[in-house]
Amino acid sequence: YSDGIGPVFFLRGRPFLVDGVKAMRLDIQFDNNEKLRNAKMLIKVDKEFCQQAKEAGFKVLFFTSDSPSLINFCKRKLGFILENGELFKLLEVGS
């Protein structure tokens, strides 16, 4: 994903079946160290990406991170839940 300045991050989703539920593990690689720019792009991409994942039948998105600031941002702004070292987002109506 990119903005008017250039690339911001690369996002890959890998499908998994977890206890019979279609889930997607996210791999994200940021292309810069600009936290505000990254945050703005994550917010912009989140709704569209989640909608596309729901339409494809996914019920859960999940990923891991070693970055406390990214973890807190995803919990506060994007609706992820931290459990056992993994961040989860349930894709339900209205999410």
PDB file of N, CA and C in Angstrom:
ATOM      1  N   TYR A   1       0.843  -1.179   0.000  1.00  0.00           N
ATOM      2  CA  TYR A   1       0.000   0.000   0.000  1.00  0.00           C
ATOM      3  C   TYR A   1       0.883   1.236   0.000  1.00  0.00           C
ATOM      4  N   SER A   2       0.448   2.269  -0.703  1.00  0.00           N
ATOM      5  CA  SER A   2       1.259   3.470  -0.780  1.00  0.00           C
ATOM      6  C   SER A   2       0.377   4.709  -0.698  1.00  0.00           C
ATOM      7  N   ASP A   3       1.024   5.822  -0.440  1.00  0.00           N
ATOM      8  CA  ASP A   3       0.347   7.113  -0.411  1.00  0.00           C
ATOM      9  C   ASP A   3       1.030   8.009  -1.437  1.00  0.00           C
ATOM     10  N   GLY A   4       0.780   9.310  -1.379  1.00  0.00           N
ATOM     11  CA  GLY A   4       1.360  10.233  -2.341  1.00  0.00           C
ATOM     12  C   GLY A   4       2.869  10.357  -2.250  1.00  0.00           C
ATOM     13  N   ILE A   5       3.448   9.910  -1.143  1.00  0.00           N
ATOM     14  CA  ILE A   5       4.894   9.986  -0.951  1.00  0.00           C
ATOM     15  C   ILE A   5       5.592   8.746  -1.512  1.00  0.00           C
ATOM     16  N   GLY A   6       4.917   7.607  -1.412  1.00  0.00           N
ATOM     17  CA  GLY A   6       5.497   6.350  -1.879  1.00  0.00           C
ATOM     18  C   GLY A   6       4.996   5.182  -1.057  1.00  0.00           C
ATOM     19  N   PRO A   7       5.679   4.033  -1.130  1.00  0.00           N
ATOM     20  CA  PRO A   7       5.250   2.845  -0.390  1.00  0.00           C
ATOM     21  C   PRO A   7       5.210   3.103   1.124  1.00  0.00           C
ATOM     22  N   VAL A   8       4.179   2.543   1.772  1.00  0.00           N
ATOM     23  CA  VAL A   8       4.039   2.661   3.224  1.00  0.00           C
ATOM     24  C   VAL A   8       4.233   1.294   3.871  1.00  0.00           C
ATOM     25  N   PHE A   9       3.499   0.304   3.390  1.00  0.00           N
ATOM     26  CA  PHE A   9       3.681  -1.050   3.908  1.00  0.00           C
ATOM     27  C   PHE A   9       3.215  -2.074   2.881  1.00  0.00           C
ATOM     28  N   PHE A  10       3.667  -3.287   3.098  1.00  0.00           N
ATOM     29  CA  PHE A  10       3.268  -4.433   2.291  1.00  0.00           C
ATOM     30  C   PHE A  10       2.473  -5.357   3.206  1.00  0.00           C
ATOM     31  N   LEU A  11       1.369  -5.871   2.705  1.00  0.00           N
ATOM     32  CA  LEU A  11       0.477  -6.708   3.510  1.00  0.00           C
ATOM     33  C   LEU A  11       0.185  -7.988   2.749  1.00  0.00           C
ATOM     34  N   ARG A  12       0.351  -9.106   3.437  1.00  0.00           N
ATOM     35  CA  ARG A  12       0.046 -10.412   2.854  1.00  0.00           C
ATOM     36  C   ARG A  12      -0.874 -11.148   3.808  1.00  0.00           C
ATOM     37  N   GLY A  13      -1.885 -11.783   3.268  1.00  0.00           N
ATOM     38  CA  GLY A  13      -2.780 -12.612   4.064  1.00  0.00           C
ATOM     39  C   GLY A  13      -2.629 -14.066   3.666  1.00  0.00           C
ATOM     40  N   ARG A  14      -2.507 -14.940   4.678  1.00  0.00           N
ATOM     41  CA  ARG A  14      -2.399 -16.377   4.428  1.00  0.00           C
ATOM     42  C   ARG A  14      -3.576 -17.080   5.077  1.00  0.00           C
ATOM     43  N   PRO A  15      -4.355 -17.861   4.310  1.00  0.00           N
ATOM     44  CA  PRO A  15      -5.538 -18.512   4.874  1.00  0.00           C
ATOM     45  C   PRO A  15      -5.175 -19.680   5.789  1.00  0.00           C
ATOM     46  N   PHE A  16      -5.969 -19.825   6.836  1.00  0.00           N
ATOM     47  CA  PHE A  16      -5.848 -20.927   7.793  1.00  0.00           C
ATOM     48  C   PHE A  16      -7.247 -21.378   8.171  1.00  0.00           C
ATOM     49  N   LEU A  17      -7.370 -22.629   8.546  1.00  0.00           N
ATOM     50  CA  LEU A  17      -8.608 -23.132   9.123  1.00  0.00           C
ATOM     51  C   LEU A  17      -8.318 -23.410  10.583  1.00  0.00           C
ATOM     52  N   VAL A  18      -8.983 -22.684  11.476  1.00  0.00           N
ATOM     53  CA  VAL A  18      -8.756 -22.802  12.917  1.00  0.00           C
ATOM     54  C   VAL A  18     -10.044 -23.277  13.562  1.00  0.00           C
ATOM     55  N   ASP A  19     -10.043 -24.515  14.051  1.00  0.00           N
ATOM     56  CA  ASP A  19     -11.240 -25.104  14.663  1.00  0.00           C
ATOM     57  C   ASP A  19     -12.461 -24.948  13.760  1.00  0.00           C
ATOM     58  N   GLY A  20     -12.269 -25.188  12.463  1.00  0.00           N
ATOM     59  CA  GLY A  20     -13.360 -25.116  11.510  1.00  0.00           C
ATOM     60  C   GLY A  20     -13.741 -23.712  11.075  1.00  0.00           C
ATOM     61  N   VAL A  21     -13.001 -22.707  11.540  1.00  0.00           N
ATOM     62  CA  VAL A  21     -13.289 -21.308  11.204  1.00  0.00           C
ATOM     63  C   VAL A  21     -12.237 -20.818  10.206  1.00  0.00           C
ATOM     64  N   LYS A  22     -12.697 -20.186   9.129  1.00  0.00           N
ATOM     65  CA  LYS A  22     -11.787 -19.652   8.120  1.00  0.00           C
ATOM     66  C   LYS A  22     -11.143 -18.373   8.659  1.00  0.00           C
ATOM     67  N   ALA A  23      -9.820 -18.424   8.823  1.00  0.00           N
ATOM     68  CA  ALA A  23      -9.073 -17.300   9.393  1.00  0.00           C
ATOM     69  C   ALA A  23      -7.942 -16.910   8.438  1.00  0.00           C
ATOM     70  N   MET A  24      -7.428 -15.690   8.635  1.00  0.00           N
ATOM     71  CA  MET A  24      -6.328 -15.206   7.809  1.00  0.00           C
ATOM     72  C   MET A  24      -5.220 -14.643   8.690  1.00  0.00           C
ATOM     73  N   ARG A  25      -4.025 -15.211   8.531  1.00  0.00           N
ATOM     74  CA  ARG A  25      -2.844 -14.673   9.221  1.00  0.00           C
ATOM     75  C   ARG A  25      -2.285 -13.547   8.366  1.00  0.00           C
ATOM     76  N   LEU A  26      -2.055 -12.411   8.990  1.00  0.00           N
ATOM     77  CA  LEU A  26      -1.527 -11.246   8.301  1.00  0.00           C
ATOM     78  C   LEU A  26      -0.031 -11.123   8.531  1.00  0.00           C
ATOM     79  N   ASP A  27       0.683 -10.837   7.471  1.00  0.00           N
ATOM     80  CA  ASP A  27       2.099 -10.501   7.529  1.00  0.00           C
ATOM     81  C   ASP A  27       2.211  -9.080   7.004  1.00  0.00           C
ATOM     82  N   ILE A  28       2.804  -8.202   7.783  1.00  0.00           N
ATOM     83  CA  ILE A  28       2.934  -6.808   7.368  1.00  0.00           C
ATOM     84  C   ILE A  28       4.385  -6.379   7.497  1.00  0.00           C
ATOM     85  N   GLN A  29       4.850  -5.657   6.494  1.00  0.00           N
ATOM     86  CA  GLN A  29       6.213  -5.122   6.501  1.00  0.00           C
ATOM     87  C   GLN A  29       6.137  -3.640   6.182  1.00  0.00           C
ATOM     88  N   PHE A  30       6.515  -2.823   7.140  1.00  0.00           N
ATOM     89  CA  PHE A  30       6.510  -1.379   6.915  1.00  0.00           C
ATOM     90  C   PHE A  30       7.733  -0.979   6.112  1.00  0.00           C
ATOM     91  N   ASP A  31       7.550   0.021   5.254  1.00  0.00           N
ATOM     92  CA  ASP A  31       8.616   0.471   4.370  1.00  0.00           C
ATOM     93  C   ASP A  31       9.322   1.717   4.898  1.00  0.00           C
ATOM     94  N   ASN A  32       8.963   2.148   6.100  1.00  0.00           N
ATOM     95  CA  ASN A  32       9.532   3.374   6.668  1.00  0.00           C
ATOM     96  C   ASN A  32       9.382   3.338   8.189  1.00  0.00           C
ATOM     97  N   ASN A  33       9.899   4.353   8.856  1.00  0.00           N
ATOM     98  CA  ASN A  33       9.782   4.463  10.316  1.00  0.00           C
ATOM     99  C   ASN A  33       8.895   5.630  10.733  1.00  0.00           C
ATOM    100  N   GLU A  34       8.007   6.054   9.852  1.00  0.00           N
ATOM    101  CA  GLU A  34       7.143   7.199  10.110  1.00  0.00           C
ATOM    102  C   GLU A  34       5.822   6.710  10.718  1.00  0.00           C
ATOM    103  N   LYS A  35       5.744   6.716  12.051  1.00  0.00           N
ATOM    104  CA  LYS A  35       4.592   6.136  12.739  1.00  0.00           C
ATOM    105  C   LYS A  35       3.272   6.797  12.369  1.00  0.00           C
ATOM    106  N   LEU A  36       3.242   8.116  12.245  1.00  0.00           N
ATOM    107  CA  LEU A  36       1.995   8.803  11.913  1.00  0.00           C
ATOM    108  C   LEU A  36       1.526   8.427  10.504  1.00  0.00           C
ATOM    109  N   ARG A  37       2.438   8.415   9.577  1.00  0.00           N
ATOM    110  CA  ARG A  37       2.108   8.032   8.195  1.00  0.00           C
ATOM    111  C   ARG A  37       1.608   6.592   8.133  1.00  0.00           C
ATOM    112  N   ASN A  38       2.287   5.702   8.841  1.00  0.00           N
ATOM    113  CA  ASN A  38       1.878   4.299   8.885  1.00  0.00           C
ATOM    114  C   ASN A  38       0.493   4.158   9.507  1.00  0.00           C
ATOM    115  N   ALA A  39       0.250   4.879  10.597  1.00  0.00           N
ATOM    116  CA  ALA A  39      -1.043   4.814  11.275  1.00  0.00           C
ATOM    117  C   ALA A  39      -2.171   5.277  10.367  1.00  0.00           C
ATOM    118  N   LYS A  40      -1.955   6.376   9.668  1.00  0.00           N
ATOM    119  CA  LYS A  40      -2.987   6.891   8.760  1.00  0.00           C
ATOM    120  C   LYS A  40      -3.318   5.867   7.676  1.00  0.00           C
ATOM    121  N   MET A  41      -2.304   5.217   7.129  1.00  0.00           N
ATOM    122  CA  MET A  41      -2.543   4.238   6.069  1.00  0.00           C
ATOM    123  C   MET A  41      -3.215   2.983   6.625  1.00  0.00           C
ATOM    124  N   LEU A  42      -2.842   2.547   7.828  1.00  0.00           N
ATOM    125  CA  LEU A  42      -3.508   1.392   8.428  1.00  0.00           C
ATOM    126  C   LEU A  42      -4.994   1.661   8.615  1.00  0.00           C
ATOM    127  N   ILE A  43      -5.336   2.838   9.101  1.00  0.00           N
ATOM    128  CA  ILE A  43      -6.742   3.197   9.300  1.00  0.00           C
ATOM    129  C   ILE A  43      -7.465   3.228   7.955  1.00  0.00           C
ATOM    130  N   LYS A  44      -6.828   3.802   6.960  1.00  0.00           N
ATOM    131  CA  LYS A  44      -7.435   3.907   5.629  1.00  0.00           C
ATOM    132  C   LYS A  44      -7.693   2.525   5.023  1.00  0.00           C
ATOM    133  N   VAL A  45      -6.759   1.619   5.154  1.00  0.00           N
ATOM    134  CA  VAL A  45      -6.837   0.301   4.532  1.00  0.00           C
ATOM    135  C   VAL A  45      -7.741  -0.648   5.317  1.00  0.00           C
ATOM    136  N   ASP A  46      -7.835  -0.489   6.623  1.00  0.00           N
ATOM    137  CA  ASP A  46      -8.508  -1.450   7.495  1.00  0.00           C
ATOM    138  C   ASP A  46      -9.929  -1.789   7.046  1.00  0.00           C
ATOM    139  N   LYS A  47     -10.764  -0.798   6.859  1.00  0.00           N
ATOM    140  CA  LYS A  47     -12.182  -1.060   6.556  1.00  0.00           C
ATOM    141  C   LYS A  47     -12.338  -1.828   5.241  1.00  0.00           C
ATOM    142  N   GLU A  48     -11.640  -1.381   4.200  1.00  0.00           N
ATOM    143  CA  GLU A  48     -11.741  -2.036   2.896  1.00  0.00           C
ATOM    144  C   GLU A  48     -11.188  -3.461   2.942  1.00  0.00           C
ATOM    145  N   PHE A  49     -10.049  -3.633   3.598  1.00  0.00           N
ATOM    146  CA  PHE A  49      -9.443  -4.959   3.679  1.00  0.00           C
ATOM    147  C   PHE A  49     -10.349  -5.922   4.445  1.00  0.00           C
ATOM    148  N   CYS A  50     -10.904  -5.456   5.556  1.00  0.00           N
ATOM    149  CA  CYS A  50     -11.804  -6.309   6.351  1.00  0.00           C
ATOM    150  C   CYS A  50     -13.043  -6.675   5.552  1.00  0.00           C
ATOM    151  N   GLN A  51     -13.592  -5.741   4.806  1.00  0.00           N
ATOM    152  CA  GLN A  51     -14.770  -6.018   3.986  1.00  0.00           C
ATOM    153  C   GLN A  51     -14.458  -7.072   2.927  1.00  0.00           C
ATOM    154  N   GLN A  52     -13.327  -6.948   2.272  1.00  0.00           N
ATOM    155  CA  GLN A  52     -12.932  -7.921   1.255  1.00  0.00           C
ATOM    156  C   GLN A  52     -12.728  -9.305   1.880  1.00  0.00           C
ATOM    157  N   ALA A  53     -12.123  -9.342   3.056  1.00  0.00           N
ATOM    158  CA  ALA A  53     -11.905 -10.622   3.740  1.00  0.00           C
ATOM    159  C   ALA A  53     -13.238 -11.264   4.120  1.00  0.00           C
ATOM    160  N   LYS A  54     -14.174 -10.460   4.623  1.00  0.00           N
ATOM    161  CA  LYS A  54     -15.501 -10.990   4.968  1.00  0.00           C
ATOM    162  C   LYS A  54     -16.200 -11.553   3.736  1.00  0.00           C
ATOM    163  N   GLU A  55     -16.139 -10.809   2.637  1.00  0.00           N
ATOM    164  CA  GLU A  55     -16.781 -11.255   1.400  1.00  0.00           C
ATOM    165  C   GLU A  55     -16.169 -12.564   0.892  1.00  0.00           C
ATOM    166  N   ALA A  56     -14.918 -12.807   1.217  1.00  0.00           N
ATOM    167  CA  ALA A  56     -14.242 -14.047   0.830  1.00  0.00           C
ATOM    168  C   ALA A  56     -14.485 -15.171   1.836  1.00  0.00           C
ATOM    169  N   GLY A  57     -15.291 -14.901   2.866  1.00  0.00           N
ATOM    170  CA  GLY A  57     -15.663 -15.941   3.825  1.00  0.00           C
ATOM    171  C   GLY A  57     -14.795 -16.033   5.064  1.00  0.00           C
ATOM    172  N   PHE A  58     -13.864 -15.101   5.254  1.00  0.00           N
ATOM    173  CA  PHE A  58     -13.020 -15.137   6.445  1.00  0.00           C
ATOM    174  C   PHE A  58     -13.786 -14.590   7.642  1.00  0.00           C
ATOM    175  N   LYS A  59     -13.565 -15.191   8.792  1.00  0.00           N
ATOM    176  CA  LYS A  59     -14.232 -14.780  10.029  1.00  0.00           C
ATOM    177  C   LYS A  59     -13.289 -14.104  11.008  1.00  0.00           C
ATOM    178  N   VAL A  60     -11.976 -14.350  10.859  1.00  0.00           N
ATOM    179  CA  VAL A  60     -10.986 -13.847  11.815  1.00  0.00           C
ATOM    180  C   VAL A  60      -9.719 -13.436  11.065  1.00  0.00           C
ATOM    181  N   LEU A  61      -9.141 -12.299  11.482  1.00  0.00           N
ATOM    182  CA  LEU A  61      -7.799 -11.897  11.060  1.00  0.00           C
ATOM    183  C   LEU A  61      -6.909 -12.010  12.283  1.00  0.00           C
ATOM    184  N   PHE A  62      -5.661 -12.415  12.093  1.00  0.00           N
ATOM    185  CA  PHE A  62      -4.753 -12.471  13.241  1.00  0.00           C
ATOM    186  C   PHE A  62      -3.317 -12.274  12.802  1.00  0.00           C
ATOM    187  N   PHE A  63      -2.497 -11.778  13.748  1.00  0.00           N
ATOM    188  CA  PHE A  63      -1.075 -11.589  13.501  1.00  0.00           C
ATOM    189  C   PHE A  63      -0.347 -11.461  14.829  1.00  0.00           C
ATOM    190  N   THR A  64       0.974 -11.512  14.765  1.00  0.00           N
ATOM    191  CA  THR A  64       1.807 -11.286  15.944  1.00  0.00           C
ATOM    192  C   THR A  64       2.703 -10.086  15.656  1.00  0.00           C
ATOM    193  N   SER A  65       3.139  -9.437  16.725  1.00  0.00           N
ATOM    194  CA  SER A  65       4.057  -8.306  16.588  1.00  0.00           C
ATOM    195  C   SER A  65       4.903  -8.193  17.841  1.00  0.00           C
ATOM    196  N   ASP A  66       6.124  -7.723  17.653  1.00  0.00           N
ATOM    197  CA  ASP A  66       7.015  -7.435  18.780  1.00  0.00           C
ATOM    198  C   ASP A  66       6.988  -5.954  19.142  1.00  0.00           C
ATOM    199  N   SER A  67       6.222  -5.174  18.411  1.00  0.00           N
ATOM    200  CA  SER A  67       6.189  -3.723  18.608  1.00  0.00           C
ATOM    201  C   SER A  67       5.057  -3.319  19.553  1.00  0.00           C
ATOM    202  N   PRO A  68       5.382  -2.880  20.776  1.00  0.00           N
ATOM    203  CA  PRO A  68       4.327  -2.452  21.703  1.00  0.00           C
ATOM    204  C   PRO A  68       3.464  -1.328  21.138  1.00  0.00           C
ATOM    205  N   SER A  69       4.062  -0.402  20.395  1.00  0.00           N
ATOM    206  CA  SER A  69       3.263   0.706  19.849  1.00  0.00           C
ATOM    207  C   SER A  69       2.304   0.207  18.772  1.00  0.00           C
ATOM    208  N   LEU A  70       2.712  -0.731  17.934  1.00  0.00           N
ATOM    209  CA  LEU A  70       1.809  -1.287  16.923  1.00  0.00           C
ATOM    210  C   LEU A  70       0.698  -2.102  17.585  1.00  0.00           C
ATOM    211  N   ILE A  71       1.043  -2.887  18.576  1.00  0.00           N
ATOM    212  CA  ILE A  71       0.043  -3.678  19.294  1.00  0.00           C
ATOM    213  C   ILE A  71      -1.009  -2.764  19.917  1.00  0.00           C
ATOM    214  N   ASN A  72      -0.568  -1.739  20.625  1.00  0.00           N
ATOM    215  CA  ASN A  72      -1.511  -0.820  21.266  1.00  0.00           C
ATOM    216  C   ASN A  72      -2.360  -0.083  20.242  1.00  0.00           C
ATOM    217  N   PHE A  73      -1.757   0.343  19.142  1.00  0.00           N
ATOM    218  CA  PHE A  73      -2.506   1.033  18.092  1.00  0.00           C
ATOM    219  C   PHE A  73      -3.597   0.124  17.525  1.00  0.00           C
ATOM    220  N   CYS A  74      -3.240  -1.102  17.201  1.00  0.00           N
ATOM    221  CA  CYS A  74      -4.218  -2.029  16.617  1.00  0.00           C
ATOM    222  C   CYS A  74      -5.342  -2.360  17.589  1.00  0.00           C
ATOM    223  N   LYS A  75      -5.038  -2.419  18.871  1.00  0.00           N
ATOM    224  CA  LYS A  75      -6.087  -2.645  19.874  1.00  0.00           C
ATOM    225  C   LYS A  75      -6.992  -1.427  20.001  1.00  0.00           C
ATOM    226  N   ARG A  76      -6.413  -0.240  20.084  1.00  0.00           N
ATOM    227  CA  ARG A  76      -7.203   0.984  20.308  1.00  0.00           C
ATOM    228  C   ARG A  76      -7.966   1.444  19.078  1.00  0.00           C
ATOM    229  N   LYS A  77      -7.324   1.407  17.920  1.00  0.00           N
ATOM    230  CA  LYS A  77      -7.902   2.028  16.723  1.00  0.00           C
ATOM    231  C   LYS A  77      -8.517   1.057  15.724  1.00  0.00           C
ATOM    232  N   LEU A  78      -8.060  -0.192  15.710  1.00  0.00           N
ATOM    233  CA  LEU A  78      -8.521  -1.119  14.680  1.00  0.00           C
ATOM    234  C   LEU A  78      -9.352  -2.275  15.206  1.00  0.00           C
ATOM    235  N   GLY A  79      -9.544  -2.341  16.518  1.00  0.00           N
ATOM    236  CA  GLY A  79     -10.433  -3.355  17.081  1.00  0.00           C
ATOM    237  C   GLY A  79      -9.841  -4.734  17.268  1.00  0.00           C
ATOM    238  N   PHE A  80      -8.520  -4.842  17.310  1.00  0.00           N
ATOM    239  CA  PHE A  80      -7.893  -6.133  17.566  1.00  0.00           C
ATOM    240  C   PHE A  80      -7.889  -6.419  19.060  1.00  0.00           C
ATOM    241  N   ILE A  81      -7.872  -7.702  19.398  1.00  0.00           N
ATOM    242  CA  ILE A  81      -7.823  -8.175  20.785  1.00  0.00           C
ATOM    243  C   ILE A  81      -6.539  -8.976  20.946  1.00  0.00           C
ATOM    244  N   LEU A  82      -5.794  -8.713  22.012  1.00  0.00           N
ATOM    245  CA  LEU A  82      -4.553  -9.447  22.286  1.00  0.00           C
ATOM    246  C   LEU A  82      -4.868 -10.632  23.182  1.00  0.00           C
ATOM    247  N   GLU A  83      -4.483 -11.827  22.698  1.00  0.00           N
ATOM    248  CA  GLU A  83      -4.707 -13.040  23.483  1.00  0.00           C
ATOM    249  C   GLU A  83      -3.580 -14.024  23.196  1.00  0.00           C
ATOM    250  N   ASN A  84      -2.897 -14.457  24.248  1.00  0.00           N
ATOM    251  CA  ASN A  84      -1.798 -15.426  24.126  1.00  0.00           C
ATOM    252  C   ASN A  84      -0.744 -14.992  23.105  1.00  0.00           C
ATOM    253  N   GLY A  85      -0.418 -13.703  23.101  1.00  0.00           N
ATOM    254  CA  GLY A  85       0.628 -13.192  22.232  1.00  0.00           C
ATOM    255  C   GLY A  85       0.214 -12.958  20.787  1.00  0.00           C
ATOM    256  N   GLU A  86      -1.041 -13.207  20.453  1.00  0.00           N
ATOM    257  CA  GLU A  86      -1.544 -12.981  19.092  1.00  0.00           C
ATOM    258  C   GLU A  86      -2.611 -11.902  19.137  1.00  0.00           C
ATOM    259  N   LEU A  87      -2.665 -11.105  18.094  1.00  0.00           N
ATOM    260  CA  LEU A  87      -3.719 -10.107  17.941  1.00  0.00           C
ATOM    261  C   LEU A  87      -4.784 -10.676  17.014  1.00  0.00           C
ATOM    262  N   PHE A  88      -6.046 -10.618  17.443  1.00  0.00           N
ATOM    263  CA  PHE A  88      -7.173 -11.166  16.696  1.00  0.00           C
ATOM    264  C   PHE A  88      -8.195 -10.079  16.417  1.00  0.00           C
ATOM    265  N   LYS A  89      -8.825 -10.172  15.259  1.00  0.00           N
ATOM    266  CA  LYS A  89      -9.950  -9.305  14.941  1.00  0.00           C
ATOM    267  C   LYS A  89     -11.047 -10.171  14.357  1.00  0.00           C
ATOM    268  N   LEU A  90     -12.210 -10.155  15.008  1.00  0.00           N
ATOM    269  CA  LEU A  90     -13.357 -10.893  14.511  1.00  0.00           C
ATOM    270  C   LEU A  90     -14.040 -10.070  13.433  1.00  0.00           C
ATOM    271  N   LEU A  91     -14.330 -10.710  12.312  1.00  0.00           N
ATOM    272  CA  LEU A  91     -14.976 -10.022  11.196  1.00  0.00           C
ATOM    273  C   LEU A  91     -16.463 -10.331  11.242  1.00  0.00           C
ATOM    274  N   GLU A  92     -17.173  -9.483  11.938  1.00  0.00           N
ATOM    275  CA  GLU A  92     -18.607  -9.646  12.088  1.00  0.00           C
ATOM    276  C   GLU A  92     -19.315  -8.480  11.440  1.00  0.00           C
ATOM    277  N   VAL A  93     -20.623  -8.561  11.359  1.00  0.00           N
ATOM    278  CA  VAL A  93     -21.410  -7.474  10.800  1.00  0.00           C
ATOM    279  C   VAL A  93     -21.100  -6.212  11.574  1.00  0.00           C
ATOM    280  N   GLY A  94     -20.762  -5.155  10.840  1.00  0.00           N
ATOM    281  CA  GLY A  94     -20.473  -3.875  11.479  1.00  0.00           C
ATOM    282  C   GLY A  94     -19.027  -3.668  11.839  1.00  0.00           C
ATOM    283  N   SER A  95     -18.140  -4.668  11.597  1.00  0.00           N
ATOM    284  CA  SER A  95     -16.723  -4.470  11.940  1.00  0.00           C
ATOM    285  C   SER A  95     -15.949  -3.936  10.778  1.00  0.00           C
TER     286      SER A  95
END
